[in-house]
Amino acid sequence: MFRAEDIREWRGHDVVDADRKKIGSLEAVYVDTATDDPSFATVTVGLPTKRRLIFVPLAEATVGPGYLKVPWDKKLAKEAPSIDTDGELLAEDEPRVFAHYGLPYKTGLNGERRLGRR
């Protein structure tokens, strides 16, 4: 796994599923605001004229030469909630991102959002 502060080195690299099928290119990392650990990646997908960013969990992700491998199937990832390439994840949309992958979601102790972009 890579550290969140190393994201600049990984931006633009391929993100692949367990079968090494390319999902897209790494755009950014969202960290858990409570721990500052990498939690989700935004991955650029789509045709050049219709690009969007999908969210892919980083739990159990591994790095290889020039790629980041996630344990999630390409089809599931491509159907994940998305934002425009210049958009941002709204706090009210966070639960949908977690639910898509069957992951539990809860806000911080004082109701603060769970994800922060790096």
PDB file of N, CA and C in Angstrom:
ATOM      1  N   MET A   1       0.841  -1.184   0.000  1.00  0.00           N
ATOM      2  CA  MET A   1       0.000   0.000   0.000  1.00  0.00           C
ATOM      3  C   MET A   1       0.880   1.238   0.000  1.00  0.00           C
ATOM      4  N   PHE A   2       0.391   2.297  -0.571  1.00  0.00           N
ATOM      5  CA  PHE A   2       1.141   3.541  -0.587  1.00  0.00           C
ATOM      6  C   PHE A   2       0.581   4.490   0.466  1.00  0.00           C
ATOM      7  N   ARG A   3       1.387   5.426   0.873  1.00  0.00           N
ATOM      8  CA  ARG A   3       0.939   6.429   1.834  1.00  0.00           C
ATOM      9  C   ARG A   3       0.229   7.554   1.083  1.00  0.00           C
ATOM     10  N   ALA A   4      -0.724   8.185   1.752  1.00  0.00           N
ATOM     11  CA  ALA A   4      -1.495   9.257   1.120  1.00  0.00           C
ATOM     12  C   ALA A   4      -0.598  10.381   0.628  1.00  0.00           C
ATOM     13  N   GLU A   5       0.484  10.657   1.347  1.00  0.00           N
ATOM     14  CA  GLU A   5       1.352  11.762   0.936  1.00  0.00           C
ATOM     15  C   GLU A   5       2.151  11.442  -0.324  1.00  0.00           C
ATOM     16  N   ASP A   6       2.161  10.181  -0.755  1.00  0.00           N
ATOM     17  CA  ASP A   6       2.864   9.789  -1.976  1.00  0.00           C
ATOM     18  C   ASP A   6       1.988   9.885  -3.228  1.00  0.00           C
ATOM     19  N   ILE A   7       0.788  10.438  -3.093  1.00  0.00           N
ATOM     20  CA  ILE A   7      -0.173  10.438  -4.198  1.00  0.00           C
ATOM     21  C   ILE A   7       0.377  11.101  -5.450  1.00  0.00           C
ATOM     22  N   ARG A   8       1.163  12.147  -5.326  1.00  0.00           N
ATOM     23  CA  ARG A   8       1.678  12.817  -6.530  1.00  0.00           C
ATOM     24  C   ARG A   8       2.471  11.862  -7.407  1.00  0.00           C
ATOM     25  N   GLU A   9       3.152  10.917  -6.797  1.00  0.00           N
ATOM     26  CA  GLU A   9       3.940   9.945  -7.558  1.00  0.00           C
ATOM     27  C   GLU A   9       3.058   8.930  -8.295  1.00  0.00           C
ATOM     28  N   TRP A  10       1.852   8.723  -7.825  1.00  0.00           N
ATOM     29  CA  TRP A  10       0.983   7.689  -8.404  1.00  0.00           C
ATOM     30  C   TRP A  10      -0.089   8.239  -9.330  1.00  0.00           C
ATOM     31  N   ARG A  11      -0.318   9.549  -9.323  1.00  0.00           N
ATOM     32  CA  ARG A  11      -1.336  10.140 -10.190  1.00  0.00           C
ATOM     33  C   ARG A  11      -1.070   9.783 -11.646  1.00  0.00           C
ATOM     34  N   GLY A  12      -2.119   9.356 -12.336  1.00  0.00           N
ATOM     35  CA  GLY A  12      -1.996   9.017 -13.748  1.00  0.00           C
ATOM     36  C   GLY A  12      -1.656   7.557 -14.008  1.00  0.00           C
ATOM     37  N   HIS A  13      -1.254   6.828 -12.983  1.00  0.00           N
ATOM     38  CA  HIS A  13      -0.951   5.415 -13.171  1.00  0.00           C
ATOM     39  C   HIS A  13      -2.242   4.616 -13.298  1.00  0.00           C
ATOM     40  N   ASP A  14      -2.144   3.453 -13.924  1.00  0.00           N
ATOM     41  CA  ASP A  14      -3.311   2.598 -14.099  1.00  0.00           C
ATOM     42  C   ASP A  14      -3.812   2.070 -12.766  1.00  0.00           C
ATOM     43  N   VAL A  15      -5.132   1.955 -12.670  1.00  0.00           N
ATOM     44  CA  VAL A  15      -5.778   1.245 -11.576  1.00  0.00           C
ATOM     45  C   VAL A  15      -6.399   0.013 -12.218  1.00  0.00           C
ATOM     46  N   VAL A  16      -6.053  -1.165 -11.692  1.00  0.00           N
ATOM     47  CA  VAL A  16      -6.522  -2.421 -12.272  1.00  0.00           C
ATOM     48  C   VAL A  16      -7.261  -3.238 -11.222  1.00  0.00           C
ATOM     49  N   ASP A  17      -8.109  -4.161 -11.707  1.00  0.00           N
ATOM     50  CA  ASP A  17      -8.820  -5.036 -10.785  1.00  0.00           C
ATOM     51  C   ASP A  17      -7.976  -6.267 -10.482  1.00  0.00           C
ATOM     52  N   ALA A  18      -8.526  -7.208  -9.742  1.00  0.00           N
ATOM     53  CA  ALA A  18      -7.774  -8.404  -9.330  1.00  0.00           C
ATOM     54  C   ALA A  18      -7.278  -9.218 -10.519  1.00  0.00           C
ATOM     55  N   ASP A  19      -7.996  -9.153 -11.656  1.00  0.00           N
ATOM     56  CA  ASP A  19      -7.583  -9.871 -12.869  1.00  0.00           C
ATOM     57  C   ASP A  19      -6.689  -9.016 -13.765  1.00  0.00           C
ATOM     58  N   ARG A  20      -6.239  -7.893 -13.243  1.00  0.00           N
ATOM     59  CA  ARG A  20      -5.395  -6.920 -13.956  1.00  0.00           C
ATOM     60  C   ARG A  20      -6.073  -6.275 -15.156  1.00  0.00           C
ATOM     61  N   LYS A  21      -7.409  -6.224 -15.124  1.00  0.00           N
ATOM     62  CA  LYS A  21      -8.147  -5.489 -16.147  1.00  0.00           C
ATOM     63  C   LYS A  21      -8.131  -4.017 -15.743  1.00  0.00           C
ATOM     64  N   LYS A  22      -7.749  -3.160 -16.678  1.00  0.00           N
ATOM     65  CA  LYS A  22      -7.656  -1.735 -16.373  1.00  0.00           C
ATOM     66  C   LYS A  22      -9.037  -1.141 -16.117  1.00  0.00           C
ATOM     67  N   ILE A  23      -9.144  -0.476 -14.970  1.00  0.00           N
ATOM     68  CA  ILE A  23     -10.366   0.242 -14.625  1.00  0.00           C
ATOM     69  C   ILE A  23     -10.266   1.672 -15.147  1.00  0.00           C
ATOM     70  N   GLY A  24      -9.123   2.300 -14.941  1.00  0.00           N
ATOM     71  CA  GLY A  24      -8.904   3.684 -15.359  1.00  0.00           C
ATOM     72  C   GLY A  24      -7.573   4.172 -14.828  1.00  0.00           C
ATOM     73  N   SER A  25      -7.438   5.489 -14.701  1.00  0.00           N
ATOM     74  CA  SER A  25      -6.192   6.102 -14.228  1.00  0.00           C
ATOM     75  C   SER A  25      -6.429   6.792 -12.886  1.00  0.00           C
ATOM     76  N   LEU A  26      -5.476   6.634 -11.982  1.00  0.00           N
ATOM     77  CA  LEU A  26      -5.588   7.232 -10.657  1.00  0.00           C
ATOM     78  C   LEU A  26      -5.553   8.754 -10.763  1.00  0.00           C
ATOM     79  N   GLU A  27      -6.538   9.406 -10.149  1.00  0.00           N
ATOM     80  CA  GLU A  27      -6.606  10.860 -10.175  1.00  0.00           C
ATOM     81  C   GLU A  27      -6.282  11.450  -8.803  1.00  0.00           C
ATOM     82  N   ALA A  28      -6.896  10.925  -7.745  1.00  0.00           N
ATOM     83  CA  ALA A  28      -6.673  11.457  -6.398  1.00  0.00           C
ATOM     84  C   ALA A  28      -6.996  10.385  -5.363  1.00  0.00           C
ATOM     85  N   VAL A  29      -6.598  10.669  -4.139  1.00  0.00           N
ATOM     86  CA  VAL A  29      -6.904   9.782  -3.020  1.00  0.00           C
ATOM     87  C   VAL A  29      -7.733  10.562  -2.012  1.00  0.00           C
ATOM     88  N   TYR A  30      -8.747   9.903  -1.494  1.00  0.00           N
ATOM     89  CA  TYR A  30      -9.545  10.451  -0.404  1.00  0.00           C
ATOM     90  C   TYR A  30      -9.150   9.690   0.848  1.00  0.00           C
ATOM     91  N   VAL A  31      -8.796  10.427   1.891  1.00  0.00           N
ATOM     92  CA  VAL A  31      -8.376   9.809   3.144  1.00  0.00           C
ATOM     93  C   VAL A  31      -9.528   9.805   4.132  1.00  0.00           C
ATOM     94  N   ASP A  32      -9.460   8.875   5.074  1.00  0.00           N
ATOM     95  CA  ASP A  32     -10.396   8.840   6.194  1.00  0.00           C
ATOM     96  C   ASP A  32     -10.020  10.025   7.085  1.00  0.00           C
ATOM     97  N   THR A  33     -10.945  10.921   7.315  1.00  0.00           N
ATOM     98  CA  THR A  33     -10.626  12.142   8.068  1.00  0.00           C
ATOM     99  C   THR A  33     -10.275  11.857   9.523  1.00  0.00           C
ATOM    100  N   ALA A  34     -10.669  10.712  10.049  1.00  0.00           N
ATOM    101  CA  ALA A  34     -10.345  10.378  11.443  1.00  0.00           C
ATOM    102  C   ALA A  34      -8.926   9.841  11.583  1.00  0.00           C
ATOM    103  N   THR A  35      -8.433   9.136  10.553  1.00  0.00           N
ATOM    104  CA  THR A  35      -7.133   8.469  10.669  1.00  0.00           C
ATOM    105  C   THR A  35      -6.083   8.999   9.705  1.00  0.00           C
ATOM    106  N   ASP A  36      -6.499   9.709   8.671  1.00  0.00           N
ATOM    107  CA  ASP A  36      -5.645  10.190   7.590  1.00  0.00           C
ATOM    108  C   ASP A  36      -5.078   9.051   6.743  1.00  0.00           C
ATOM    109  N   ASP A  37      -5.673   7.865   6.852  1.00  0.00           N
ATOM    110  CA  ASP A  37      -5.278   6.720   6.029  1.00  0.00           C
ATOM    111  C   ASP A  37      -6.010   6.781   4.694  1.00  0.00           C
ATOM    112  N   PRO A  38      -5.362   6.337   3.602  1.00  0.00           N
ATOM    113  CA  PRO A  38      -6.048   6.288   2.310  1.00  0.00           C
ATOM    114  C   PRO A  38      -7.296   5.409   2.413  1.00  0.00           C
ATOM    115  N   SER A  39      -8.414   5.909   1.910  1.00  0.00           N
ATOM    116  CA  SER A  39      -9.671   5.184   2.012  1.00  0.00           C
ATOM    117  C   SER A  39     -10.266   4.875   0.637  1.00  0.00           C
ATOM    118  N   PHE A  40     -10.342   5.865  -0.229  1.00  0.00           N
ATOM    119  CA  PHE A  40     -10.874   5.701  -1.580  1.00  0.00           C
ATOM    120  C   PHE A  40      -9.964   6.411  -2.566  1.00  0.00           C
ATOM    121  N   ALA A  41      -9.984   5.938  -3.790  1.00  0.00           N
ATOM    122  CA  ALA A  41      -9.312   6.623  -4.891  1.00  0.00           C
ATOM    123  C   ALA A  41     -10.372   7.122  -5.851  1.00  0.00           C
ATOM    124  N   THR A  42     -10.089   8.247  -6.495  1.00  0.00           N
ATOM    125  CA  THR A  42     -10.907   8.613  -7.645  1.00  0.00           C
ATOM    126  C   THR A  42     -10.115   8.161  -8.863  1.00  0.00           C
ATOM    127  N   VAL A  43     -10.839   7.541  -9.779  1.00  0.00           N
ATOM    128  CA  VAL A  43     -10.248   6.944 -10.966  1.00  0.00           C
ATOM    129  C   VAL A  43     -10.912   7.561 -12.193  1.00  0.00           C
ATOM    130  N   THR A  44     -10.105   8.063 -13.104  1.00  0.00           N
ATOM    131  CA  THR A  44     -10.617   8.657 -14.330  1.00  0.00           C
ATOM    132  C   THR A  44     -11.011   7.551 -15.298  1.00  0.00           C
ATOM    133  N   VAL A  45     -12.273   7.599 -15.756  1.00  0.00           N
ATOM    134  CA  VAL A  45     -12.787   6.622 -16.714  1.00  0.00           C
ATOM    135  C   VAL A  45     -13.563   7.357 -17.805  1.00  0.00           C
ATOM    136  N   GLY A  46     -13.837   6.652 -18.888  1.00  0.00           N
ATOM    137  CA  GLY A  46     -14.666   7.208 -19.954  1.00  0.00           C
ATOM    138  C   GLY A  46     -13.868   7.656 -21.157  1.00  0.00           C
ATOM    139  N   LEU A  47     -14.600   8.036 -22.168  1.00  0.00           N
ATOM    140  CA  LEU A  47     -14.009   8.534 -23.396  1.00  0.00           C
ATOM    141  C   LEU A  47     -13.478   9.941 -23.176  1.00  0.00           C
ATOM    142  N   PRO A  48     -12.521  10.381 -23.990  1.00  0.00           N
ATOM    143  CA  PRO A  48     -11.950  11.723 -23.795  1.00  0.00           C
ATOM    144  C   PRO A  48     -12.986  12.842 -23.713  1.00  0.00           C
ATOM    145  N   THR A  49     -14.092  12.709 -24.410  1.00  0.00           N
ATOM    146  CA  THR A  49     -15.107  13.764 -24.376  1.00  0.00           C
ATOM    147  C   THR A  49     -16.123  13.578 -23.249  1.00  0.00           C
ATOM    148  N   LYS A  50     -16.096  12.433 -22.573  1.00  0.00           N
ATOM    149  CA  LYS A  50     -17.061  12.159 -21.497  1.00  0.00           C
ATOM    150  C   LYS A  50     -16.371  11.554 -20.281  1.00  0.00           C
ATOM    151  N   ARG A  51     -15.287  12.134 -19.852  1.00  0.00           N
ATOM    152  CA  ARG A  51     -14.551  11.616 -18.686  1.00  0.00           C
ATOM    153  C   ARG A  51     -15.319  11.914 -17.406  1.00  0.00           C
ATOM    154  N   ARG A  52     -15.153  11.020 -16.437  1.00  0.00           N
ATOM    155  CA  ARG A  52     -15.728  11.204 -15.112  1.00  0.00           C
ATOM    156  C   ARG A  52     -14.818  10.522 -14.111  1.00  0.00           C
ATOM    157  N   LEU A  53     -15.029  10.791 -12.843  1.00  0.00           N
ATOM    158  CA  LEU A  53     -14.241  10.189 -11.776  1.00  0.00           C
ATOM    159  C   LEU A  53     -15.135   9.258 -10.974  1.00  0.00           C
ATOM    160  N   ILE A  54     -14.712   8.005 -10.853  1.00  0.00           N
ATOM    161  CA  ILE A  54     -15.433   7.042 -10.027  1.00  0.00           C
ATOM    162  C   ILE A  54     -14.647   6.826  -8.739  1.00  0.00           C
ATOM    163  N   PHE A  55     -15.332   6.336  -7.737  1.00  0.00           N
ATOM    164  CA  PHE A  55     -14.712   6.080  -6.438  1.00  0.00           C
ATOM    165  C   PHE A  55     -14.478   4.588  -6.263  1.00  0.00           C
ATOM    166  N   VAL A  56     -13.250   4.233  -5.856  1.00  0.00           N
ATOM    167  CA  VAL A  56     -12.861   2.842  -5.643  1.00  0.00           C
ATOM    168  C   VAL A  56     -12.188   2.733  -4.275  1.00  0.00           C
ATOM    169  N   PRO A  57     -12.656   1.811  -3.408  1.00  0.00           N
ATOM    170  CA  PRO A  57     -12.022   1.647  -2.096  1.00  0.00           C
ATOM    171  C   PRO A  57     -10.566   1.192  -2.222  1.00  0.00           C
ATOM    172  N   LEU A  58      -9.754   1.634  -1.286  1.00  0.00           N
ATOM    173  CA  LEU A  58      -8.340   1.287  -1.313  1.00  0.00           C
ATOM    174  C   LEU A  58      -7.950   0.210  -0.302  1.00  0.00           C
ATOM    175  N   ALA A  59      -8.899  -0.270   0.481  1.00  0.00           N
ATOM    176  CA  ALA A  59      -8.588  -1.352   1.419  1.00  0.00           C
ATOM    177  C   ALA A  59      -8.074  -2.551   0.619  1.00  0.00           C
ATOM    178  N   GLU A  60      -6.972  -3.101   1.036  1.00  0.00           N
ATOM    179  CA  GLU A  60      -6.338  -4.267   0.404  1.00  0.00           C
ATOM    180  C   GLU A  60      -5.761  -3.981  -0.982  1.00  0.00           C
ATOM    181  N   ALA A  61      -5.625  -2.698  -1.340  1.00  0.00           N
ATOM    182  CA  ALA A  61      -4.990  -2.346  -2.615  1.00  0.00           C
ATOM    183  C   ALA A  61      -3.487  -2.620  -2.510  1.00  0.00           C
ATOM    184  N   THR A  62      -2.900  -3.009  -3.628  1.00  0.00           N
ATOM    185  CA  THR A  62      -1.455  -3.242  -3.683  1.00  0.00           C
ATOM    186  C   THR A  62      -0.880  -2.479  -4.868  1.00  0.00           C
ATOM    187  N   VAL A  63       0.398  -2.195  -4.788  1.00  0.00           N
ATOM    188  CA  VAL A  63       1.043  -1.493  -5.883  1.00  0.00           C
ATOM    189  C   VAL A  63       1.974  -2.434  -6.626  1.00  0.00           C
ATOM    190  N   GLY A  64       2.085  -2.206  -7.915  1.00  0.00           N
ATOM    191  CA  GLY A  64       3.002  -2.952  -8.764  1.00  0.00           C
ATOM    192  C   GLY A  64       3.747  -1.945  -9.618  1.00  0.00           C
ATOM    193  N   PRO A  65       4.577  -2.402 -10.506  1.00  0.00           N
ATOM    194  CA  PRO A  65       5.323  -1.462 -11.346  1.00  0.00           C
ATOM    195  C   PRO A  65       4.382  -0.700 -12.292  1.00  0.00           C
ATOM    196  N   GLY A  66       4.060   0.524 -11.922  1.00  0.00           N
ATOM    197  CA  GLY A  66       3.224   1.363 -12.775  1.00  0.00           C
ATOM    198  C   GLY A  66       1.737   1.182 -12.628  1.00  0.00           C
ATOM    199  N   TYR A  67       1.279   0.419 -11.635  1.00  0.00           N
ATOM    200  CA  TYR A  67      -0.161   0.246 -11.457  1.00  0.00           C
ATOM    201  C   TYR A  67      -0.511   0.087  -9.984  1.00  0.00           C
ATOM    202  N   LEU A  68      -1.777   0.328  -9.707  1.00  0.00           N
ATOM    203  CA  LEU A  68      -2.362   0.117  -8.394  1.00  0.00           C
ATOM    204  C   LEU A  68      -3.450  -0.928  -8.590  1.00  0.00           C
ATOM    205  N   LYS A  69      -3.351  -2.051  -7.874  1.00  0.00           N
ATOM    206  CA  LYS A  69      -4.323  -3.135  -8.024  1.00  0.00           C
ATOM    207  C   LYS A  69      -5.282  -3.127  -6.846  1.00  0.00           C
ATOM    208  N   VAL A  70      -6.575  -3.115  -7.147  1.00  0.00           N
ATOM    209  CA  VAL A  70      -7.618  -3.132  -6.126  1.00  0.00           C
ATOM    210  C   VAL A  70      -8.371  -4.460  -6.219  1.00  0.00           C
ATOM    211  N   PRO A  71      -8.944  -4.931  -5.120  1.00  0.00           N
ATOM    212  CA  PRO A  71      -9.630  -6.213  -5.148  1.00  0.00           C
ATOM    213  C   PRO A  71     -11.062  -6.147  -5.674  1.00  0.00           C
ATOM    214  N   TRP A  72     -11.459  -5.039  -6.230  1.00  0.00           N
ATOM    215  CA  TRP A  72     -12.827  -4.850  -6.718  1.00  0.00           C
ATOM    216  C   TRP A  72     -12.898  -5.129  -8.222  1.00  0.00           C
ATOM    217  N   ASP A  73     -13.947  -5.759  -8.648  1.00  0.00           N
ATOM    218  CA  ASP A  73     -14.166  -6.088 -10.050  1.00  0.00           C
ATOM    219  C   ASP A  73     -14.344  -4.816 -10.888  1.00  0.00           C
ATOM    220  N   LYS A  74     -13.805  -4.844 -12.093  1.00  0.00           N
ATOM    221  CA  LYS A  74     -13.871  -3.693 -12.994  1.00  0.00           C
ATOM    222  C   LYS A  74     -15.317  -3.251 -13.229  1.00  0.00           C
ATOM    223  N   LYS A  75     -16.212  -4.192 -13.458  1.00  0.00           N
ATOM    224  CA  LYS A  75     -17.612  -3.848 -13.735  1.00  0.00           C
ATOM    225  C   LYS A  75     -18.242  -3.144 -12.540  1.00  0.00           C
ATOM    226  N   LEU A  76     -18.024  -3.663 -11.343  1.00  0.00           N
ATOM    227  CA  LEU A  76     -18.558  -3.042 -10.136  1.00  0.00           C
ATOM    228  C   LEU A  76     -17.990  -1.626  -9.984  1.00  0.00           C
ATOM    229  N   ALA A  77     -16.698  -1.477 -10.184  1.00  0.00           N
ATOM    230  CA  ALA A  77     -16.060  -0.169 -10.050  1.00  0.00           C
ATOM    231  C   ALA A  77     -16.622   0.827 -11.056  1.00  0.00           C
ATOM    232  N   LYS A  78     -16.796   0.406 -12.286  1.00  0.00           N
ATOM    233  CA  LYS A  78     -17.285   1.325 -13.326  1.00  0.00           C
ATOM    234  C   LYS A  78     -18.727   1.770 -13.078  1.00  0.00           C
ATOM    235  N   GLU A  79     -19.472   1.008 -12.269  1.00  0.00           N
ATOM    236  CA  GLU A  79     -20.852   1.371 -11.930  1.00  0.00           C
ATOM    237  C   GLU A  79     -20.931   2.187 -10.641  1.00  0.00           C
ATOM    238  N   ALA A  80     -19.781   2.504 -10.060  1.00  0.00           N
ATOM    239  CA  ALA A  80     -19.730   3.235  -8.785  1.00  0.00           C
ATOM    240  C   ALA A  80     -20.200   4.677  -8.949  1.00  0.00           C
ATOM    241  N   PRO A  81     -20.614   5.288  -7.846  1.00  0.00           N
ATOM    242  CA  PRO A  81     -20.950   6.714  -7.906  1.00  0.00           C
ATOM    243  C   PRO A  81     -19.777   7.504  -8.488  1.00  0.00           C
ATOM    244  N   SER A  82     -20.113   8.560  -9.219  1.00  0.00           N
ATOM    245  CA  SER A  82     -19.068   9.332  -9.885  1.00  0.00           C
ATOM    246  C   SER A  82     -19.324  10.825  -9.746  1.00  0.00           C
ATOM    247  N   ILE A  83     -18.293  11.578 -10.081  1.00  0.00           N
ATOM    248  CA  ILE A  83     -18.389  13.037 -10.133  1.00  0.00           C
ATOM    249  C   ILE A  83     -17.726  13.488 -11.424  1.00  0.00           C
ATOM    250  N   ASP A  84     -17.992  14.723 -11.818  1.00  0.00           N
ATOM    251  CA  ASP A  84     -17.310  15.293 -12.982  1.00  0.00           C
ATOM    252  C   ASP A  84     -15.819  15.415 -12.673  1.00  0.00           C
ATOM    253  N   THR A  85     -14.998  15.482 -13.714  1.00  0.00           N
ATOM    254  CA  THR A  85     -13.554  15.569 -13.509  1.00  0.00           C
ATOM    255  C   THR A  85     -13.141  16.829 -12.752  1.00  0.00           C
ATOM    256  N   ASP A  86     -13.969  17.863 -12.770  1.00  0.00           N
ATOM    257  CA  ASP A  86     -13.676  19.064 -11.997  1.00  0.00           C
ATOM    258  C   ASP A  86     -14.633  19.218 -10.813  1.00  0.00           C
ATOM    259  N   GLY A  87     -15.352  18.132 -10.509  1.00  0.00           N
ATOM    260  CA  GLY A  87     -16.332  18.171  -9.427  1.00  0.00           C
ATOM    261  C   GLY A  87     -15.735  17.776  -8.093  1.00  0.00           C
ATOM    262  N   GLU A  88     -16.592  17.778  -7.082  1.00  0.00           N
ATOM    263  CA  GLU A  88     -16.146  17.331  -5.762  1.00  0.00           C
ATOM    264  C   GLU A  88     -17.247  16.492  -5.130  1.00  0.00           C
ATOM    265  N   LEU A  89     -16.846  15.605  -4.261  1.00  0.00           N
ATOM    266  CA  LEU A  89     -17.784  14.743  -3.560  1.00  0.00           C
ATOM    267  C   LEU A  89     -18.473  15.540  -2.463  1.00  0.00           C
ATOM    268  N   LEU A  90     -19.793  15.606  -2.542  1.00  0.00           N
ATOM    269  CA  LEU A  90     -20.557  16.308  -1.523  1.00  0.00           C
ATOM    270  C   LEU A  90     -20.723  15.412  -0.303  1.00  0.00           C
ATOM    271  N   ALA A  91     -20.800  16.019   0.873  1.00  0.00           N
ATOM    272  CA  ALA A  91     -20.936  15.257   2.121  1.00  0.00           C
ATOM    273  C   ALA A  91     -22.155  14.340   2.079  1.00  0.00           C
ATOM    274  N   GLU A  92     -23.252  14.801   1.521  1.00  0.00           N
ATOM    275  CA  GLU A  92     -24.465  13.983   1.492  1.00  0.00           C
ATOM    276  C   GLU A  92     -24.362  12.795   0.525  1.00  0.00           C
ATOM    277  N   ASP A  93     -23.360  12.794  -0.357  1.00  0.00           N
ATOM    278  CA  ASP A  93     -23.165  11.685  -1.293  1.00  0.00           C
ATOM    279  C   ASP A  93     -22.207  10.612  -0.762  1.00  0.00           C
ATOM    280  N   GLU A  94     -21.500  10.902   0.321  1.00  0.00           N
ATOM    281  CA  GLU A  94     -20.547   9.934   0.868  1.00  0.00           C
ATOM    282  C   GLU A  94     -21.181   8.578   1.178  1.00  0.00           C
ATOM    283  N   PRO A  95     -22.357   8.531   1.835  1.00  0.00           N
ATOM    284  CA  PRO A  95     -22.934   7.216   2.160  1.00  0.00           C
ATOM    285  C   PRO A  95     -23.181   6.339   0.928  1.00  0.00           C
ATOM    286  N   ARG A  96     -23.543   6.937  -0.206  1.00  0.00           N
ATOM    287  CA  ARG A  96     -23.765   6.166  -1.446  1.00  0.00           C
ATOM    288  C   ARG A  96     -22.494   5.491  -1.934  1.00  0.00           C
ATOM    289  N   VAL A  97     -21.372   6.183  -1.793  1.00  0.00           N
ATOM    290  CA  VAL A  97     -20.081   5.636  -2.229  1.00  0.00           C
ATOM    291  C   VAL A  97     -19.760   4.375  -1.423  1.00  0.00           C
ATOM    292  N   PHE A  98     -19.915   4.449  -0.121  1.00  0.00           N
ATOM    293  CA  PHE A  98     -19.652   3.292   0.736  1.00  0.00           C
ATOM    294  C   PHE A  98     -20.654   2.173   0.451  1.00  0.00           C
ATOM    295  N   ALA A  99     -21.948   2.519   0.333  1.00  0.00           N
ATOM    296  CA  ALA A  99     -23.000   1.524   0.115  1.00  0.00           C
ATOM    297  C   ALA A  99     -22.797   0.760  -1.185  1.00  0.00           C
ATOM    298  N   HIS A 100     -22.297   1.419  -2.214  1.00  0.00           N
ATOM    299  CA  HIS A 100     -22.088   0.748  -3.504  1.00  0.00           C
ATOM    300  C   HIS A 100     -21.198  -0.488  -3.358  1.00  0.00           C
ATOM    301  N   TYR A 101     -20.234  -0.411  -2.459  1.00  0.00           N
ATOM    302  CA  TYR A 101     -19.309  -1.527  -2.246  1.00  0.00           C
ATOM    303  C   TYR A 101     -19.679  -2.369  -1.021  1.00  0.00           C
ATOM    304  N   GLY A 102     -20.838  -2.095  -0.428  1.00  0.00           N
ATOM    305  CA  GLY A 102     -21.277  -2.847   0.737  1.00  0.00           C
ATOM    306  C   GLY A 102     -20.451  -2.562   1.984  1.00  0.00           C
ATOM    307  N   LEU A 103     -19.873  -1.365   2.055  1.00  0.00           N
ATOM    308  CA  LEU A 103     -19.034  -0.984   3.189  1.00  0.00           C
ATOM    309  C   LEU A 103     -19.838  -0.154   4.184  1.00  0.00           C
ATOM    310  N   PRO A 104     -19.574  -0.331   5.478  1.00  0.00           N
ATOM    311  CA  PRO A 104     -20.295   0.454   6.484  1.00  0.00           C
ATOM    312  C   PRO A 104     -19.882   1.923   6.422  1.00  0.00           C
ATOM    313  N   TYR A 105     -20.830   2.793   6.715  1.00  0.00           N
ATOM    314  CA  TYR A 105     -20.556   4.230   6.715  1.00  0.00           C
ATOM    315  C   TYR A 105     -21.050   4.842   8.014  1.00  0.00           C
ATOM    316  N   LYS A 106     -20.236   5.685   8.585  1.00  0.00           N
ATOM    317  CA  LYS A 106     -20.684   6.519   9.697  1.00  0.00           C
ATOM    318  C   LYS A 106     -19.854   7.793   9.686  1.00  0.00           C
ATOM    319  N   THR A 107     -20.485   8.867  10.106  1.00  0.00           N
ATOM    320  CA  THR A 107     -19.778  10.141  10.152  1.00  0.00           C
ATOM    321  C   THR A 107     -18.854  10.162  11.361  1.00  0.00           C
ATOM    322  N   GLY A 108     -18.063  11.211  11.468  1.00  0.00           N
ATOM    323  CA  GLY A 108     -17.195  11.381  12.626  1.00  0.00           C
ATOM    324  C   GLY A 108     -18.018  11.598  13.887  1.00  0.00           C
ATOM    325  N   LEU A 109     -17.356  11.652  15.012  1.00  0.00           N
ATOM    326  CA  LEU A 109     -18.044  11.793  16.300  1.00  0.00           C
ATOM    327  C   LEU A 109     -18.957  13.009  16.363  1.00  0.00           C
ATOM    328  N   ASN A 110     -18.574  14.086  15.708  1.00  0.00           N
ATOM    329  CA  ASN A 110     -19.377  15.313  15.729  1.00  0.00           C
ATOM    330  C   ASN A 110     -20.131  15.524  14.421  1.00  0.00           C
ATOM    331  N   GLY A 111     -20.337  14.463  13.670  1.00  0.00           N
ATOM    332  CA  GLY A 111     -21.085  14.549  12.423  1.00  0.00           C
ATOM    333  C   GLY A 111     -20.279  15.023  11.237  1.00  0.00           C
ATOM    334  N   GLU A 112     -18.933  15.146  11.405  1.00  0.00           N
ATOM    335  CA  GLU A 112     -18.129  15.614  10.285  1.00  0.00           C
ATOM    336  C   GLU A 112     -18.022  14.546   9.206  1.00  0.00           C
ATOM    337  N   ARG A 113     -17.700  15.004   8.016  1.00  0.00           N
ATOM    338  CA  ARG A 113     -17.633  14.094   6.879  1.00  0.00           C
ATOM    339  C   ARG A 113     -16.510  13.090   7.058  1.00  0.00           C
ATOM    340  N   ARG A 114     -16.628  11.986   6.376  1.00  0.00           N
ATOM    341  CA  ARG A 114     -15.709  10.865   6.551  1.00  0.00           C
ATOM    342  C   ARG A 114     -14.515  10.934   5.618  1.00  0.00           C
ATOM    343  N   LEU A 115     -14.676  11.544   4.435  1.00  0.00           N
ATOM    344  CA  LEU A 115     -13.619  11.538   3.427  1.00  0.00           C
ATOM    345  C   LEU A 115     -13.088  12.942   3.138  1.00  0.00           C
ATOM    346  N   GLY A 116     -11.784  13.024   2.974  1.00  0.00           N
ATOM    347  CA  GLY A 116     -11.134  14.274   2.592  1.00  0.00           C
ATOM    348  C   GLY A 116     -10.191  14.023   1.429  1.00  0.00           C
ATOM    349  N   ARG A 117     -10.204  14.884   0.439  1.00  0.00           N
ATOM    350  CA  ARG A 117      -9.393  14.690  -0.776  1.00  0.00           C
ATOM    351  C   ARG A 117      -7.945  15.109  -0.545  1.00  0.00           C
ATOM    352  N   ARG A 118      -7.049  14.330  -1.108  1.00  0.00           N
ATOM    353  CA  ARG A 118      -5.611  14.666  -1.073  1.00  0.00           C
ATOM    354  C   ARG A 118      -5.169  15.062  -2.444  1.00  0.00           C
TER     355      ARG A 118
END
